[in-house]
Protein backbone atom coordinates (compact mmCIF):
# COMPACT_ATOMS: atom_id res chain seq x y z
CA UNK A 1 67.34 95.23 108.10
CA UNK A 2 64.94 97.30 110.24
CA UNK A 3 65.61 100.70 111.74
CA UNK A 4 65.33 99.22 115.23
CA UNK A 5 67.86 96.50 114.45
CA UNK A 6 70.33 99.00 113.03
CA UNK A 7 70.07 101.29 116.05
CA UNK A 8 70.48 98.25 118.31
CA UNK A 9 73.74 97.35 116.57
CA UNK A 10 75.18 100.73 117.50
CA UNK A 11 74.78 99.70 121.15
CA UNK A 12 77.24 96.83 120.77
CA UNK A 13 80.78 97.44 122.06
CA UNK A 14 83.27 98.32 119.31
CA UNK A 15 86.64 96.59 119.12
CA UNK A 16 89.18 99.41 119.26
CA UNK A 17 91.28 98.07 116.36
CA UNK A 18 88.32 98.53 113.98
CA UNK A 19 87.61 102.09 115.17
CA UNK A 20 89.22 104.08 112.33
CA UNK A 21 92.76 102.78 112.67
CA UNK A 22 95.59 102.53 110.15
CA UNK A 23 98.19 99.80 109.89
CA UNK A 24 101.23 99.49 107.62
CA UNK A 25 102.10 96.39 105.62
CA UNK A 26 105.04 95.12 103.54
CA UNK A 27 104.60 96.37 99.95
CA UNK A 28 107.43 94.16 98.71
CA UNK A 29 105.53 91.04 99.71
CA UNK A 30 102.09 92.51 98.92
CA UNK A 31 102.84 94.61 95.85
CA UNK A 32 99.26 95.44 94.97
CA UNK A 33 100.16 98.55 92.97
CA UNK A 34 102.18 96.75 90.29
CA UNK A 35 99.61 93.97 90.07
CA UNK A 36 96.68 96.33 89.54
CA UNK A 37 98.69 98.46 87.11
CA UNK A 38 99.41 95.31 85.11
CA UNK A 39 95.69 94.48 85.03
CA UNK A 40 94.87 98.01 83.78
CA UNK A 41 97.55 97.63 81.10
CA UNK A 42 95.70 94.62 79.74
CA UNK A 43 93.11 97.16 78.56
CA UNK A 44 95.34 100.20 77.99
CA UNK A 45 98.98 99.13 77.46
CA UNK A 46 100.34 102.69 77.54
CA UNK A 47 99.24 103.51 81.10
CA UNK A 48 102.18 103.80 83.53
CA UNK A 49 100.64 105.62 86.51
CA UNK A 50 97.36 104.75 88.26
CA UNK A 51 97.01 108.37 89.39
CA UNK A 52 96.63 109.30 85.71
CA UNK A 53 94.07 106.62 84.95
CA UNK A 54 91.54 109.30 83.94
CA UNK A 55 93.85 110.31 81.06
CA UNK A 56 93.60 106.84 79.52
CA UNK A 57 90.00 105.75 80.19
CA UNK A 58 86.92 107.60 79.03
CA UNK A 59 84.07 108.10 81.49
CA UNK A 60 81.98 105.36 79.86
CA UNK A 61 84.92 102.93 80.10
CA UNK A 62 85.35 103.14 83.87
CA UNK A 63 82.71 100.55 84.77
CA UNK A 64 84.35 98.10 82.39
CA UNK A 65 87.71 98.85 84.03
CA UNK A 66 86.28 98.23 87.48
CA UNK A 67 84.75 94.92 86.37
CA UNK A 68 88.12 93.94 84.88
CA UNK A 69 89.87 94.74 88.16
CA UNK A 70 87.27 92.81 90.14
CA UNK A 71 87.60 89.77 87.89
CA UNK A 72 91.28 89.76 88.84
CA UNK A 73 90.42 89.89 92.55
CA UNK A 74 88.38 86.67 92.18
CA UNK A 75 91.41 84.88 90.78
CA UNK A 76 93.63 82.45 92.64
CA UNK A 77 96.68 84.76 92.77
CA UNK A 78 94.90 87.68 94.42
CA UNK A 79 92.80 85.44 96.68
CA UNK A 80 95.87 83.61 97.96
CA UNK A 81 97.72 86.85 98.72
CA UNK A 82 94.70 88.32 100.50
CA UNK A 83 94.35 85.12 102.56
CA UNK A 84 97.97 85.47 103.56
CA UNK A 85 97.58 89.18 104.37
CA UNK A 86 94.46 88.61 106.51
CA UNK A 87 96.17 85.79 108.39
CA UNK A 88 99.23 87.94 109.07
CA UNK A 89 97.64 91.27 109.93
CA UNK A 90 94.04 90.95 111.13
CA UNK A 91 93.05 87.31 111.79
CA UNK A 92 93.68 87.82 115.53
CA UNK A 93 91.36 90.84 115.50
CA UNK A 94 88.27 88.87 114.42
CA UNK A 95 85.84 87.58 117.05
CA UNK A 96 86.24 83.89 116.21
CA UNK A 97 88.90 81.69 114.63
CA UNK A 98 86.54 80.80 111.77
CA UNK A 99 85.95 83.67 109.38
CA UNK A 100 85.05 84.45 105.80
CA UNK A 101 86.65 86.85 103.32
CA UNK A 102 84.81 88.88 100.71
CA UNK A 103 84.76 86.92 97.45
CA UNK A 104 85.24 89.93 95.14
CA UNK A 105 87.14 92.97 96.37
CA UNK A 106 85.41 96.30 95.89
CA UNK A 107 87.62 98.34 93.56
CA UNK A 108 87.14 102.13 93.54
CA UNK A 109 88.39 104.48 90.85
CA UNK A 110 87.86 108.10 91.91
CA UNK A 111 88.71 110.40 89.02
CA UNK A 112 89.11 114.19 89.25
CA UNK A 113 85.84 116.10 89.50
CA UNK A 114 83.89 112.83 89.75
CA UNK A 115 81.08 114.51 91.69
CA UNK A 116 80.07 116.55 88.65
CA UNK A 117 80.29 113.47 86.42
CA UNK A 118 77.72 111.41 88.34
CA UNK A 119 80.24 109.08 90.04
CA UNK A 120 80.12 110.33 93.64
CA UNK A 121 79.86 107.64 96.35
CA UNK A 122 77.33 109.02 98.87
CA UNK A 123 77.82 108.86 102.62
CA UNK A 124 76.41 105.69 104.11
CA UNK A 125 76.64 103.20 106.92
CA UNK A 126 77.50 99.59 106.14
CA UNK A 127 74.46 98.70 108.22
CA UNK A 128 72.34 100.27 105.46
CA UNK A 129 73.83 97.95 102.84
CA UNK A 130 73.31 94.65 104.65
CA UNK A 131 76.36 94.27 106.91
CA UNK A 132 76.49 93.90 110.69
CA UNK A 133 78.83 94.40 113.67
CA UNK A 134 80.73 91.21 112.94
CA UNK A 135 81.80 92.48 109.52
CA UNK A 136 84.97 94.57 109.26
CA UNK A 137 86.43 96.55 106.35
CA UNK A 138 90.08 96.78 105.31
CA UNK A 139 90.56 99.70 102.88
CA UNK A 140 93.70 99.66 100.71
CA UNK A 141 94.59 102.80 98.72
CA UNK A 142 96.83 101.91 95.76
CA UNK A 143 97.73 105.56 95.22
CA UNK A 144 98.35 108.39 97.66
CA UNK A 145 95.01 109.20 99.30
CA UNK A 146 94.47 112.66 100.75
CA UNK A 147 92.19 115.66 101.01
CA UNK A 148 89.26 115.46 98.55
CA UNK A 149 90.33 112.36 96.61
CA UNK A 150 90.28 110.05 99.63
CA UNK A 151 87.51 108.47 101.66
CA UNK A 152 85.83 110.72 104.20
CA UNK A 153 84.97 109.09 107.53
CA UNK A 154 83.26 109.90 110.77
CA UNK A 155 83.93 108.95 114.37
CA UNK A 156 81.88 106.18 115.96
CA UNK A 157 80.21 108.63 118.33
CA UNK A 158 79.27 111.09 115.60
CA UNK A 159 78.06 108.24 113.39
CA UNK A 160 75.64 107.15 116.12
CA UNK A 161 74.33 110.68 116.70
CA UNK A 162 73.90 111.45 113.01
CA UNK A 163 72.24 108.14 112.17
CA UNK A 164 69.72 108.83 114.94
CA UNK A 165 69.19 112.37 113.58
CA UNK A 166 68.64 110.98 110.08
CA UNK A 167 66.02 108.53 111.31
CA UNK A 168 64.30 110.93 113.71
CA UNK A 169 63.96 113.65 111.08
CA UNK A 170 63.68 111.48 107.95
CA UNK A 171 66.31 113.64 106.28
CA UNK A 172 66.46 114.03 102.52
CA UNK A 173 69.46 112.85 100.52
CA UNK A 174 70.78 116.42 100.29
CA UNK A 175 70.38 116.97 104.04
CA UNK A 176 72.11 113.68 104.82
CA UNK A 177 75.07 114.56 102.59
CA UNK A 178 75.40 118.05 104.06
CA UNK A 179 75.33 116.78 107.65
CA UNK A 180 77.86 114.05 106.93
CA UNK A 181 80.22 116.40 105.09
CA UNK A 182 80.18 118.77 108.05
CA UNK A 183 81.10 116.03 110.52
CA UNK A 184 83.59 113.90 108.57
CA UNK A 185 87.29 114.12 107.82
CA UNK A 186 89.64 112.74 105.14
CA UNK A 187 91.56 109.49 105.57
CA UNK A 188 95.07 110.57 104.58
CA UNK A 189 97.15 107.50 103.74
CA UNK A 190 100.15 106.55 101.64
CA UNK A 191 100.42 103.40 99.57
CA UNK A 192 101.34 100.60 102.01
CA UNK A 193 98.83 101.70 104.65
CA UNK A 194 95.39 100.18 105.29
CA UNK A 195 92.40 101.73 107.04
CA UNK A 196 90.39 99.48 109.37
CA UNK A 197 86.82 100.41 110.27
CA UNK A 198 83.49 98.97 111.34
CA UNK A 199 80.33 98.87 109.25
CA UNK A 200 78.61 101.40 111.49
CA UNK A 201 81.06 104.20 110.70
CA UNK A 202 79.47 106.65 108.30
CA UNK A 203 81.74 107.19 105.31
CA UNK A 204 81.65 108.37 101.71
CA UNK A 205 83.34 110.62 99.16
CA UNK A 206 83.35 114.30 98.30
CA UNK A 207 84.19 115.79 94.91
CA UNK A 208 87.80 115.04 93.98
CA UNK A 209 89.53 118.37 93.41
CA UNK A 210 93.15 117.15 93.65
CA UNK A 211 93.61 116.76 89.90
CA UNK A 212 94.71 113.12 90.16
CA UNK A 213 92.86 109.84 90.39
CA UNK A 214 92.64 107.68 93.49
CA UNK A 215 92.50 103.92 93.03
CA UNK A 216 91.75 101.66 95.99
CA UNK A 217 90.27 98.32 96.88
CA UNK A 218 88.53 97.11 100.00
CA UNK A 219 87.81 93.70 101.41
CA UNK A 220 85.60 92.67 104.28
CA UNK A 221 86.33 89.96 106.78
CA UNK A 222 83.39 88.51 108.63
CA UNK A 223 83.12 86.39 111.75
CA UNK A 224 80.92 83.31 111.72
CA UNK A 225 78.96 85.14 114.44
CA UNK A 226 77.47 87.28 111.68
CA UNK A 227 73.84 86.94 110.64
CA UNK A 228 75.02 87.41 107.00
CA UNK A 229 71.64 88.91 105.99
CA UNK A 230 71.34 88.61 102.18
CA UNK A 231 75.14 88.32 101.62
CA UNK A 232 75.47 84.58 101.98
CA UNK A 233 78.47 82.48 103.02
CA UNK A 234 80.07 80.82 100.03
CA UNK A 235 78.61 83.45 97.70
CA UNK A 236 79.47 87.01 98.68
CA UNK A 237 81.95 85.56 101.17
CA UNK A 238 84.39 82.72 100.67
CA UNK A 239 86.31 80.50 103.03
CA UNK A 240 90.07 81.20 103.20
CA UNK A 241 91.82 79.08 100.61
CA UNK A 242 88.94 79.19 98.12
CA UNK A 243 88.68 80.97 94.80
CA UNK A 244 86.29 80.53 91.92
CA UNK A 245 89.25 80.28 89.55
CA UNK A 246 90.57 77.30 91.51
CA UNK A 247 87.14 75.64 91.53
CA UNK A 248 86.75 75.96 87.77
CA UNK A 249 90.10 74.33 87.07
CA UNK A 250 88.47 70.92 87.46
CA UNK A 251 85.21 71.80 85.68
CA UNK A 252 84.48 69.87 82.50
CA UNK A 253 82.14 72.05 80.44
CA UNK A 254 81.69 69.49 77.66
CA UNK A 255 78.97 66.88 77.38
CA UNK A 256 75.30 66.99 78.28
CA UNK A 257 74.44 69.71 80.82
CA UNK A 258 71.09 70.39 82.52
CA UNK A 259 69.91 73.61 84.16
CA UNK A 260 67.66 72.86 87.14
CA UNK A 261 65.72 75.11 89.56
CA UNK A 262 63.37 74.65 92.48
CA UNK A 263 60.72 77.40 92.20
CA UNK A 264 59.63 76.98 95.83
CA UNK A 265 62.96 77.59 97.58
CA UNK A 266 63.48 80.73 99.63
CA UNK A 267 66.43 81.53 97.39
CA UNK A 268 64.44 81.44 94.15
CA UNK A 269 60.96 82.52 95.18
CA UNK A 270 59.52 85.12 94.49
CA UNK A 271 62.01 86.10 91.76
CA UNK A 272 60.24 85.97 88.38
CA UNK A 273 61.06 82.67 86.80
CA UNK A 274 62.32 84.12 83.52
CA UNK A 275 64.91 86.19 85.43
CA UNK A 276 66.35 83.07 87.08
CA UNK A 277 66.39 81.32 83.72
CA UNK A 278 68.18 84.21 81.99
CA UNK A 279 70.77 84.43 84.79
CA UNK A 280 71.50 80.72 84.47
CA UNK A 281 71.83 80.77 80.68
CA UNK A 282 74.07 83.84 80.75
CA UNK A 283 76.22 82.21 83.42
CA UNK A 284 76.48 79.04 81.33
CA UNK A 285 77.43 81.02 78.24
CA UNK A 286 80.12 82.93 80.14
CA UNK A 287 81.95 79.78 81.25
CA UNK A 288 81.45 77.82 78.05
CA UNK A 289 78.64 75.42 78.98
CA UNK A 290 76.00 74.71 76.32
CA UNK A 291 72.97 73.31 78.19
CA UNK A 292 70.90 70.69 76.43
CA UNK A 293 67.86 71.15 78.65
CA UNK A 294 66.22 73.29 81.34
CA UNK A 295 63.71 72.01 83.88
CA UNK A 296 62.16 72.75 87.27
CA UNK A 297 61.01 70.78 90.25
CA UNK A 298 57.25 70.35 90.35
CA UNK A 299 55.60 73.27 92.11
CA UNK A 300 54.52 72.50 95.71
CA UNK A 301 55.93 68.95 95.62
CA UNK A 302 58.63 68.82 98.26
CA UNK A 303 60.10 65.32 97.92
CA UNK A 304 62.01 66.21 94.72
CA UNK A 305 60.89 63.45 92.35
CA UNK A 306 62.08 65.41 89.29
CA UNK A 307 65.52 66.28 90.66
CA UNK A 308 66.15 62.79 91.99
CA UNK A 309 65.20 61.29 88.64
CA UNK A 310 67.52 63.66 86.76
CA UNK A 311 70.36 62.77 89.14
CA UNK A 312 70.20 59.19 87.91
CA UNK A 313 70.39 60.11 84.22
CA UNK A 314 73.37 60.34 81.90
CA UNK A 315 74.37 63.98 82.42
CA UNK A 316 77.87 65.40 82.42
CA UNK A 317 76.69 68.08 84.82
CA UNK A 318 73.72 69.86 86.40
CA UNK A 319 73.66 73.60 87.12
CA UNK A 320 71.64 75.00 90.06
CA UNK A 321 71.30 78.66 91.11
CA UNK A 322 72.76 78.15 94.60
CA UNK A 323 73.51 75.66 97.36
CA UNK A 324 70.58 77.37 99.10
CA UNK A 325 68.21 76.97 96.14
CA UNK A 326 66.68 73.63 97.17
CA UNK A 327 63.65 73.73 99.44
CA UNK A 328 64.94 70.84 101.52
CA UNK A 329 66.64 70.05 104.80
CA UNK A 330 70.43 70.00 104.88
CA UNK A 331 70.36 66.23 105.19
CA UNK A 332 68.12 65.93 102.12
CA UNK A 333 70.33 68.30 100.12
CA UNK A 334 73.48 66.34 100.99
CA UNK A 335 71.75 63.07 100.15
CA UNK A 336 70.73 64.35 96.70
CA UNK A 337 74.18 65.79 95.96
CA UNK A 338 75.69 62.44 96.98
CA UNK A 339 73.32 60.73 94.55
CA UNK A 340 74.74 62.90 91.76
CA UNK A 341 78.32 62.17 92.82
CA UNK A 342 77.65 58.44 92.80
CA UNK A 343 76.39 58.83 89.23
CA UNK A 344 79.50 60.80 88.20
CA UNK A 345 77.56 64.03 87.62
CA UNK A 346 79.24 67.38 88.24
CA UNK A 347 77.04 69.74 90.28
CA UNK A 348 77.66 73.42 89.66
CA UNK A 349 76.16 75.95 92.11
CA UNK A 350 76.28 79.26 90.27
CA UNK A 351 75.89 81.87 93.01
CA UNK A 352 78.77 80.39 95.01
CA UNK A 353 80.88 79.32 92.00
CA UNK A 354 81.17 75.91 93.65
CA UNK A 355 81.81 72.81 91.57
CA UNK A 356 81.08 69.53 93.37
CA UNK A 357 82.97 66.58 91.93
CA UNK A 358 84.16 64.72 95.04
CA UNK A 359 83.58 64.18 98.76
CA UNK A 360 85.77 67.14 99.74
CA UNK A 361 83.58 69.47 97.69
CA UNK A 362 80.50 67.94 99.28
CA UNK A 363 81.96 68.53 102.74
CA UNK A 364 82.48 72.23 101.92
CA UNK A 365 78.87 72.58 100.78
CA UNK A 366 77.61 70.92 103.95
CA UNK A 367 79.79 73.18 106.10
CA UNK A 368 78.40 76.29 104.40
CA UNK A 369 74.83 75.08 104.74
CA UNK A 370 75.28 74.41 108.45
CA UNK A 371 76.97 77.76 109.07
CA UNK A 372 73.98 79.50 107.50
CA UNK A 373 71.58 77.28 109.47
CA UNK A 374 73.05 78.65 112.72
CA UNK A 375 71.95 82.18 111.89
C-alpha cells in the first residue's frame, strides 16, 4: 500500500463507534477466560491464573503457547461463539450486511518486563500492515488491562498528525516510538469489556512494569467494501458460519492424493517453486495426507490441459495452494472444479482451508472468487 493511499484513507470519515470506544458484554454467555485457561492447561496443567502465565511458561515457550491458543480460535467452538458475539454486538456497526471475520484471532501474551526480553509490540497503524478503512478491530482483554501492561492508543486526530510527521521526516524506529509514546494513553479495561478501534489509530505496547501478565485476543471484522489487499477473503478472513475444523470433518485423507500448482497464477508467481512445494507437503503432512504425486500446469499454457486431464483420473483428492491459484477466469475455475466433483474427487484449497466435495462447497468458492473480483 503506497504512502499516498494511506494518507488518503485518513481523509475518509470515521464511524464514531470505531473511534476508541469500549463496550461491555455478557461474560456468562461468552466466558472466554475459562476457555483460554483450559487451553493453556492442555500444555501446563498446574496453571490456574492467566495473569501468572509467565510463572509457568519459559520465554522460549511463549510462541508455542500463542500458536496453541490460535489453533483453538480456528476451531468450531470459538468460531461459532465469535459469530454470535459479532452478530449481537457489532454487526449493525459494519458498513454492509455482508461481512467477513478474521479466520484466526490474534492472541497476545504480554509478560512482565517484555520490552527488555525482545517481545515488545511496536507502535503501528493497521494501514501499515495491509488493512483499510473498512476493517475494524475488536480487542478483548482476558485479564485486567491497565497502565503499562495494556495496549497504548492514540486519538484519530493525533494519529493523522503523527503519521504525516513520520512520512514527512522519514523518522527512525526510535523516533517513531518516542513520538508515539508521548502522544498515546493506556486502554484501561476489565475482563468483560472490549475496545473498538479503526485501523488508522496508531497503537502499540510499552514495557510491562505491572508485575503480572496480560492476555488478550483481537478479531477484525471487515466489510465487503474492503479492497482486502493481500489478506484475501476465505483465507485470512472467513464467512460467518465457517471454520476450518468444520470443513475438515468431511475430509477423507486416505487414498490417492495429488498436489497440483499453476506456476503462472498471480497467487503463485513469483514465489520460488520449491517454497510452494514445501508449503504444500508440510500442509499435507500436518493433516495426514500422503500425496502420491506432485505436478504443475505447463508453463505459459493457459487452457489447463494438465489439470483437466488429472481431474478425470482416479484420485481421491487434489490439493491446490488456493482458490486464487489458477490463472483462469472465474467461469473456467468453476467449470474445472465441477469436473472434479463429477469425478468424485475432493478438491482441497490449502490457503483457505476449503474442502470442496459438493455443490454447496462449490457455491462458496464461487462467492469468494466473485467478491474478490469486485475489488
